[in-house]
């Protein structure tokens, strides 16, 4: 898959943590046409060659509220879990921006 990545990402709050930005950009690319990343942390790490510990740590941040986010949808969260009963699989909250 592919996704539009806007230059504005470098001016957003996500740019304050380069690892978080890179993991988010990778998730944009890995998502399907509906903004769904139905993969485990391990699968994301394998596909992107980013260490598993970093993938896990940055996804936690991407799931958390971000009061500095330019997009107030879902309190600035960038990811939302697909299912409450598992710790993997996400929907990119503002996917429409990247379509």
Protein backbone atom coordinates (compact mmCIF):
# COMPACT_ATOMS: atom_id res chain seq x y z
CA UNK A 1 0.00 0.00 0.00
CA UNK A 2 1.01 3.63 -0.03
CA UNK A 3 -0.04 6.79 1.75
CA UNK A 4 0.39 10.50 1.28
CA UNK A 5 2.83 11.91 3.78
CA UNK A 6 2.54 15.66 4.07
CA UNK A 7 5.51 17.90 4.80
CA UNK A 8 3.42 19.32 7.65
CA UNK A 9 4.22 16.19 9.68
CA UNK A 10 7.61 17.80 10.40
CA UNK A 11 5.83 20.76 12.03
CA UNK A 12 3.42 18.71 14.12
CA UNK A 13 3.78 17.46 17.67
CA UNK A 14 4.71 14.04 16.36
CA UNK A 15 7.95 15.53 14.99
CA UNK A 16 9.19 16.12 18.53
CA UNK A 17 10.01 12.39 18.72
CA UNK A 18 11.61 11.13 15.52
CA UNK A 19 11.06 7.47 16.41
CA UNK A 20 7.36 8.08 16.92
CA UNK A 21 7.16 9.87 13.57
CA UNK A 22 8.97 7.08 11.75
CA UNK A 23 6.80 4.35 13.29
CA UNK A 24 3.66 6.32 12.42
CA UNK A 25 4.82 6.82 8.83
CA UNK A 26 5.55 3.09 8.60
CA UNK A 27 2.05 2.30 9.87
CA UNK A 28 0.55 4.63 7.27
CA UNK A 29 2.37 2.67 4.56
CA UNK A 30 1.42 -0.71 6.04
CA UNK A 31 -2.28 0.14 6.40
CA UNK A 32 -4.95 -1.06 4.02
CA UNK A 33 -7.20 1.23 1.99
CA UNK A 34 -9.36 1.87 5.07
CA UNK A 35 -6.50 2.88 7.37
CA UNK A 36 -6.42 -0.47 9.15
CA UNK A 37 -3.17 -2.08 10.28
CA UNK A 38 -4.22 -5.59 11.29
CA UNK A 39 -0.78 -6.82 12.28
CA UNK A 40 1.00 -7.72 15.49
CA UNK A 41 3.83 -5.63 16.91
CA UNK A 42 6.19 -8.40 15.84
CA UNK A 43 4.94 -8.34 12.26
CA UNK A 44 5.35 -4.56 12.08
CA UNK A 45 8.90 -4.85 13.44
CA UNK A 46 9.79 -7.56 10.90
CA UNK A 47 8.34 -5.67 7.93
CA UNK A 48 9.91 -2.33 8.83
CA UNK A 49 13.19 -3.56 10.34
CA UNK A 50 12.52 -1.39 13.39
CA UNK A 51 13.40 -3.10 16.69
CA UNK A 52 10.37 -4.61 18.43
CA UNK A 53 10.96 -2.63 21.65
CA UNK A 54 10.78 0.63 19.67
CA UNK A 55 7.65 -0.43 17.78
CA UNK A 56 5.90 -1.30 21.06
CA UNK A 57 7.01 1.88 22.85
CA UNK A 58 6.01 4.21 20.02
CA UNK A 59 2.65 2.55 19.40
CA UNK A 60 1.76 3.13 23.06
CA UNK A 61 2.48 6.84 22.49
CA UNK A 62 0.45 6.88 19.26
CA UNK A 63 -2.54 5.38 21.11
CA UNK A 64 -2.35 8.02 23.85
CA UNK A 65 -4.05 11.44 23.84
CA UNK A 66 -1.91 14.26 22.45
CA UNK A 67 -3.03 17.69 23.62
CA UNK A 68 -0.59 19.32 21.16
CA UNK A 69 -2.01 17.52 18.10
CA UNK A 70 -3.25 19.65 15.20
CA UNK A 71 -6.12 17.18 14.82
CA UNK A 72 -8.31 17.14 17.94
CA UNK A 73 -10.23 14.05 16.79
CA UNK A 74 -10.14 11.41 19.52
CA UNK A 75 -8.14 13.72 21.80
CA UNK A 76 -5.27 13.83 19.30
CA UNK A 77 -4.74 10.06 19.34
CA UNK A 78 -3.26 8.75 16.11
CA UNK A 79 -4.15 5.09 16.60
CA UNK A 80 -7.14 3.22 17.97
CA UNK A 81 -7.18 -0.51 18.70
CA UNK A 82 -9.40 -2.65 16.53
CA UNK A 83 -10.39 -4.91 19.43
CA UNK A 84 -10.22 -4.42 23.18
CA UNK A 85 -9.31 -8.07 23.79
CA UNK A 86 -5.97 -7.96 21.94
CA UNK A 87 -2.95 -5.66 22.13
CA UNK A 88 -2.46 -5.41 18.36
CA UNK A 89 -4.32 -4.25 15.27
CA UNK A 90 -5.11 -0.56 14.85
CA UNK A 91 -7.15 1.96 12.93
CA UNK A 92 -5.41 5.17 11.97
CA UNK A 93 -7.73 7.77 13.48
CA UNK A 94 -7.31 10.51 10.89
CA UNK A 95 -6.84 8.18 7.90
CA UNK A 96 -8.97 10.40 5.64
CA UNK A 97 -6.18 13.00 5.70
CA UNK A 98 -3.73 10.50 4.23
CA UNK A 99 -5.97 8.97 1.55
